Amino acid sequence: MSSLENVGLRAIEYATALNTLKKSKYALLERMALYDKGFNGGRRVTRDNPLYENLEAFCFYEFRDKYKARSEANNAKRRLMRAVLKHESGVA
């Protein structure tokens, strides 16, 4: 694989990671508004719901996933920049 192809693959990887991060921004609101069979027995989360205290744990996991997506985007960006620098310097 040429270094230019490598740069292209890294650019695609970075764009994918950024797209994942953008989608995760709305995930918390969407999942709180919709019925989720995997959380709270498929019932809407409200203050009257006996499992409302699980909302705190739910938010923790949702934000943890958002942090992971941001971290993956940053890692992909670093790999992209390294590939570009190698290509420009003719090392790869």
N, C-alpha and C. Protein backbone atom coordinates (compact mmCIF):
# COMPACT_ATOMS: atom_id res chain seq x y z
N MET A 1 0.86 -1.18 0.00
CA MET A 1 0.00 0.00 0.00
C MET A 1 0.90 1.24 0.00
N SER A 2 0.61 2.15 -0.89
CA SER A 2 1.42 3.37 -0.98
C SER A 2 1.10 4.30 0.19
N SER A 3 1.99 5.24 0.41
CA SER A 3 1.77 6.17 1.53
C SER A 3 0.56 7.06 1.27
N LEU A 4 0.29 7.36 -0.01
CA LEU A 4 -0.88 8.18 -0.33
C LEU A 4 -2.18 7.42 -0.02
N GLU A 5 -2.20 6.11 -0.30
CA GLU A 5 -3.36 5.29 0.05
C GLU A 5 -3.53 5.24 1.57
N ASN A 6 -2.42 5.17 2.27
CA ASN A 6 -2.45 5.16 3.73
C ASN A 6 -3.05 6.45 4.27
N VAL A 7 -2.67 7.59 3.69
CA VAL A 7 -3.23 8.88 4.09
C VAL A 7 -4.73 8.89 3.84
N GLY A 8 -5.16 8.36 2.69
CA GLY A 8 -6.59 8.30 2.38
C GLY A 8 -7.36 7.46 3.38
N LEU A 9 -6.80 6.31 3.75
CA LEU A 9 -7.46 5.44 4.73
C LEU A 9 -7.57 6.13 6.08
N ARG A 10 -6.52 6.84 6.48
CA ARG A 10 -6.55 7.55 7.76
C ARG A 10 -7.59 8.67 7.73
N ALA A 11 -7.73 9.33 6.59
CA ALA A 11 -8.72 10.40 6.48
C ALA A 11 -10.14 9.84 6.61
N ILE A 12 -10.38 8.69 5.99
CA ILE A 12 -11.69 8.04 6.11
C ILE A 12 -11.95 7.64 7.56
N GLU A 13 -10.92 7.09 8.21
CA GLU A 13 -11.04 6.68 9.62
C GLU A 13 -11.38 7.88 10.51
N TYR A 14 -10.72 9.01 10.26
CA TYR A 14 -10.97 10.22 11.05
C TYR A 14 -12.39 10.73 10.83
N ALA A 15 -12.84 10.75 9.58
CA ALA A 15 -14.20 11.21 9.28
C ALA A 15 -15.24 10.31 9.94
N THR A 16 -14.99 9.02 9.94
CA THR A 16 -15.91 8.07 10.58
C THR A 16 -15.97 8.31 12.08
N ALA A 17 -14.81 8.53 12.70
CA ALA A 17 -14.77 8.77 14.15
C ALA A 17 -15.49 10.07 14.50
N LEU A 18 -15.32 11.11 13.68
CA LEU A 18 -16.02 12.37 13.93
C LEU A 18 -17.53 12.21 13.79
N ASN A 19 -17.95 11.43 12.81
CA ASN A 19 -19.37 11.18 12.61
C ASN A 19 -19.97 10.45 13.81
N THR A 20 -19.22 9.49 14.35
CA THR A 20 -19.67 8.77 15.55
C THR A 20 -19.83 9.73 16.72
N LEU A 21 -18.88 10.63 16.87
CA LEU A 21 -18.94 11.61 17.96
C LEU A 21 -20.15 12.52 17.80
N LYS A 22 -20.41 12.97 16.57
CA LYS A 22 -21.55 13.84 16.32
C LYS A 22 -22.86 13.14 16.66
N LYS A 23 -22.96 11.86 16.29
CA LYS A 23 -24.18 11.10 16.56
C LYS A 23 -24.36 10.90 18.07
N SER A 24 -23.25 10.68 18.80
CA SER A 24 -23.36 10.41 20.23
C SER A 24 -23.83 11.64 20.99
N LYS A 25 -23.67 12.83 20.40
CA LYS A 25 -24.10 14.06 21.06
C LYS A 25 -25.60 14.04 21.32
N TYR A 26 -26.35 13.43 20.41
CA TYR A 26 -27.80 13.40 20.55
C TYR A 26 -28.30 12.10 21.18
N ALA A 27 -27.42 11.16 21.42
CA ALA A 27 -27.84 9.84 21.88
C ALA A 27 -28.54 9.89 23.24
N LEU A 28 -28.03 10.71 24.16
CA LEU A 28 -28.63 10.77 25.49
C LEU A 28 -30.07 11.25 25.42
N LEU A 29 -30.31 12.33 24.69
CA LEU A 29 -31.68 12.85 24.57
C LEU A 29 -32.59 11.86 23.87
N GLU A 30 -32.10 11.24 22.81
CA GLU A 30 -32.91 10.28 22.08
C GLU A 30 -33.28 9.09 22.94
N ARG A 31 -32.29 8.56 23.65
CA ARG A 31 -32.55 7.35 24.42
C ARG A 31 -33.40 7.62 25.65
N MET A 32 -33.35 8.84 26.17
CA MET A 32 -34.23 9.17 27.29
C MET A 32 -35.66 9.38 26.80
N ALA A 33 -35.81 9.85 25.56
CA ALA A 33 -37.14 10.15 25.03
C ALA A 33 -37.83 8.91 24.47
N LEU A 34 -37.07 7.95 24.00
CA LEU A 34 -37.64 6.77 23.35
C LEU A 34 -37.70 5.60 24.31
N TYR A 35 -38.51 4.63 23.97
CA TYR A 35 -38.54 3.40 24.73
C TYR A 35 -37.32 2.57 24.35
N ASP A 36 -36.59 2.14 25.35
CA ASP A 36 -35.40 1.34 25.10
C ASP A 36 -35.58 0.02 25.84
N LYS A 37 -35.69 -1.06 25.09
CA LYS A 37 -35.97 -2.36 25.70
C LYS A 37 -34.84 -2.82 26.62
N GLY A 38 -33.63 -2.36 26.34
CA GLY A 38 -32.50 -2.78 27.16
C GLY A 38 -32.36 -1.99 28.45
N PHE A 39 -33.09 -0.91 28.59
CA PHE A 39 -32.96 -0.07 29.79
C PHE A 39 -34.32 0.11 30.43
N ASN A 40 -34.39 -0.13 31.72
CA ASN A 40 -35.60 0.14 32.49
C ASN A 40 -36.80 -0.69 32.02
N GLY A 41 -36.55 -1.89 31.56
CA GLY A 41 -37.64 -2.77 31.17
C GLY A 41 -38.45 -2.26 29.99
N GLY A 42 -37.90 -1.39 29.18
CA GLY A 42 -38.60 -0.89 28.01
C GLY A 42 -39.60 0.21 28.31
N ARG A 43 -39.58 0.72 29.55
CA ARG A 43 -40.52 1.79 29.91
C ARG A 43 -39.85 3.15 29.84
N ARG A 44 -40.63 4.17 29.59
CA ARG A 44 -40.10 5.53 29.55
C ARG A 44 -39.61 5.93 30.95
N VAL A 45 -38.49 6.63 31.00
CA VAL A 45 -37.92 7.06 32.28
C VAL A 45 -38.59 8.35 32.72
N THR A 46 -39.26 8.32 33.87
CA THR A 46 -39.87 9.52 34.44
C THR A 46 -39.59 9.55 35.93
N ARG A 47 -39.90 10.67 36.57
CA ARG A 47 -39.70 10.76 38.01
C ARG A 47 -40.65 9.83 38.77
N ASP A 48 -41.79 9.53 38.17
CA ASP A 48 -42.75 8.63 38.82
C ASP A 48 -42.36 7.17 38.67
N ASN A 49 -41.45 6.91 37.79
CA ASN A 49 -41.03 5.53 37.54
C ASN A 49 -40.22 5.03 38.73
N PRO A 50 -40.50 3.83 39.21
CA PRO A 50 -39.74 3.32 40.37
C PRO A 50 -38.25 3.12 40.08
N LEU A 51 -37.88 3.07 38.82
CA LEU A 51 -36.47 2.87 38.49
C LEU A 51 -35.77 4.17 38.11
N TYR A 52 -36.32 5.30 38.55
CA TYR A 52 -35.75 6.61 38.19
C TYR A 52 -34.30 6.74 38.66
N GLU A 53 -33.98 6.11 39.79
CA GLU A 53 -32.61 6.23 40.31
C GLU A 53 -31.59 5.62 39.34
N ASN A 54 -32.05 4.74 38.45
CA ASN A 54 -31.12 4.17 37.47
C ASN A 54 -30.73 5.18 36.40
N LEU A 55 -31.43 6.29 36.35
CA LEU A 55 -31.13 7.30 35.33
C LEU A 55 -29.71 7.84 35.50
N GLU A 56 -29.28 7.96 36.75
CA GLU A 56 -27.92 8.45 37.00
C GLU A 56 -26.88 7.51 36.40
N ALA A 57 -27.07 6.21 36.62
CA ALA A 57 -26.15 5.22 36.05
C ALA A 57 -26.25 5.23 34.52
N PHE A 58 -27.46 5.38 34.02
CA PHE A 58 -27.67 5.43 32.57
C PHE A 58 -26.90 6.59 31.96
N CYS A 59 -26.99 7.77 32.59
CA CYS A 59 -26.28 8.95 32.10
C CYS A 59 -24.78 8.73 32.14
N PHE A 60 -24.30 8.07 33.21
CA PHE A 60 -22.87 7.80 33.31
C PHE A 60 -22.39 6.98 32.11
N TYR A 61 -23.12 5.91 31.79
CA TYR A 61 -22.70 5.06 30.67
C TYR A 61 -22.81 5.79 29.34
N GLU A 62 -23.84 6.61 29.19
CA GLU A 62 -24.01 7.35 27.94
C GLU A 62 -22.86 8.34 27.74
N PHE A 63 -22.49 9.07 28.81
CA PHE A 63 -21.40 10.02 28.69
C PHE A 63 -20.05 9.31 28.55
N ARG A 64 -19.93 8.13 29.16
CA ARG A 64 -18.70 7.36 28.99
C ARG A 64 -18.53 6.97 27.51
N ASP A 65 -19.64 6.58 26.87
CA ASP A 65 -19.58 6.23 25.45
C ASP A 65 -19.21 7.45 24.61
N LYS A 66 -19.73 8.62 24.99
CA LYS A 66 -19.41 9.85 24.26
C LYS A 66 -17.92 10.17 24.42
N TYR A 67 -17.38 9.97 25.62
CA TYR A 67 -15.96 10.22 25.85
C TYR A 67 -15.12 9.27 25.00
N LYS A 68 -15.55 7.99 24.92
CA LYS A 68 -14.81 7.02 24.11
C LYS A 68 -14.83 7.43 22.64
N ALA A 69 -15.97 7.91 22.17
CA ALA A 69 -16.06 8.35 20.77
C ALA A 69 -15.13 9.53 20.52
N ARG A 70 -15.08 10.48 21.47
CA ARG A 70 -14.19 11.63 21.32
C ARG A 70 -12.73 11.18 21.32
N SER A 71 -12.41 10.24 22.19
CA SER A 71 -11.05 9.72 22.27
C SER A 71 -10.66 9.02 20.96
N GLU A 72 -11.59 8.23 20.40
CA GLU A 72 -11.31 7.56 19.13
C GLU A 72 -11.10 8.57 18.01
N ALA A 73 -11.89 9.64 18.01
CA ALA A 73 -11.73 10.68 16.99
C ALA A 73 -10.37 11.35 17.12
N ASN A 74 -9.96 11.63 18.35
CA ASN A 74 -8.65 12.26 18.56
C ASN A 74 -7.51 11.34 18.14
N ASN A 75 -7.64 10.04 18.46
CA ASN A 75 -6.61 9.08 18.05
C ASN A 75 -6.54 8.97 16.53
N ALA A 76 -7.71 8.94 15.88
CA ALA A 76 -7.74 8.87 14.42
C ALA A 76 -7.10 10.12 13.81
N LYS A 77 -7.34 11.27 14.43
CA LYS A 77 -6.76 12.52 13.93
C LYS A 77 -5.24 12.48 14.04
N ARG A 78 -4.73 11.98 15.16
CA ARG A 78 -3.28 11.87 15.33
C ARG A 78 -2.67 10.93 14.28
N ARG A 79 -3.34 9.78 14.05
CA ARG A 79 -2.84 8.84 13.05
C ARG A 79 -2.86 9.47 11.65
N LEU A 80 -3.91 10.22 11.37
CA LEU A 80 -4.01 10.89 10.07
C LEU A 80 -2.86 11.88 9.90
N MET A 81 -2.60 12.69 10.93
CA MET A 81 -1.54 13.69 10.83
C MET A 81 -0.17 13.02 10.67
N ARG A 82 0.04 11.90 11.39
CA ARG A 82 1.31 11.18 11.24
C ARG A 82 1.47 10.65 9.82
N ALA A 83 0.38 10.10 9.27
CA ALA A 83 0.44 9.57 7.90
C ALA A 83 0.71 10.68 6.89
N VAL A 84 0.09 11.85 7.10
CA VAL A 84 0.32 12.98 6.20
C VAL A 84 1.77 13.43 6.28
N LEU A 85 2.30 13.56 7.50
CA LEU A 85 3.69 13.99 7.66
C LEU A 85 4.66 13.00 7.03
N LYS A 86 4.40 11.69 7.20
CA LYS A 86 5.26 10.68 6.59
C LYS A 86 5.20 10.79 5.07
N HIS A 87 4.00 11.00 4.55
CA HIS A 87 3.85 11.11 3.10
C HIS A 87 4.58 12.34 2.57
N GLU A 88 4.44 13.46 3.27
CA GLU A 88 5.08 14.70 2.81
C GLU A 88 6.60 14.63 2.91
N SER A 89 7.09 13.92 3.92
CA SER A 89 8.55 13.83 4.07
C SER A 89 9.13 12.70 3.23
N GLY A 90 8.27 11.87 2.65
CA GLY A 90 8.73 10.77 1.81
C GLY A 90 9.28 9.60 2.58
N VAL A 91 8.98 9.51 3.87
CA VAL A 91 9.48 8.43 4.71
C VAL A 91 8.77 7.12 4.41
N ALA A 92 7.45 7.19 4.25
CA ALA A 92 6.67 5.96 4.12
C ALA A 92 6.85 5.35 2.80
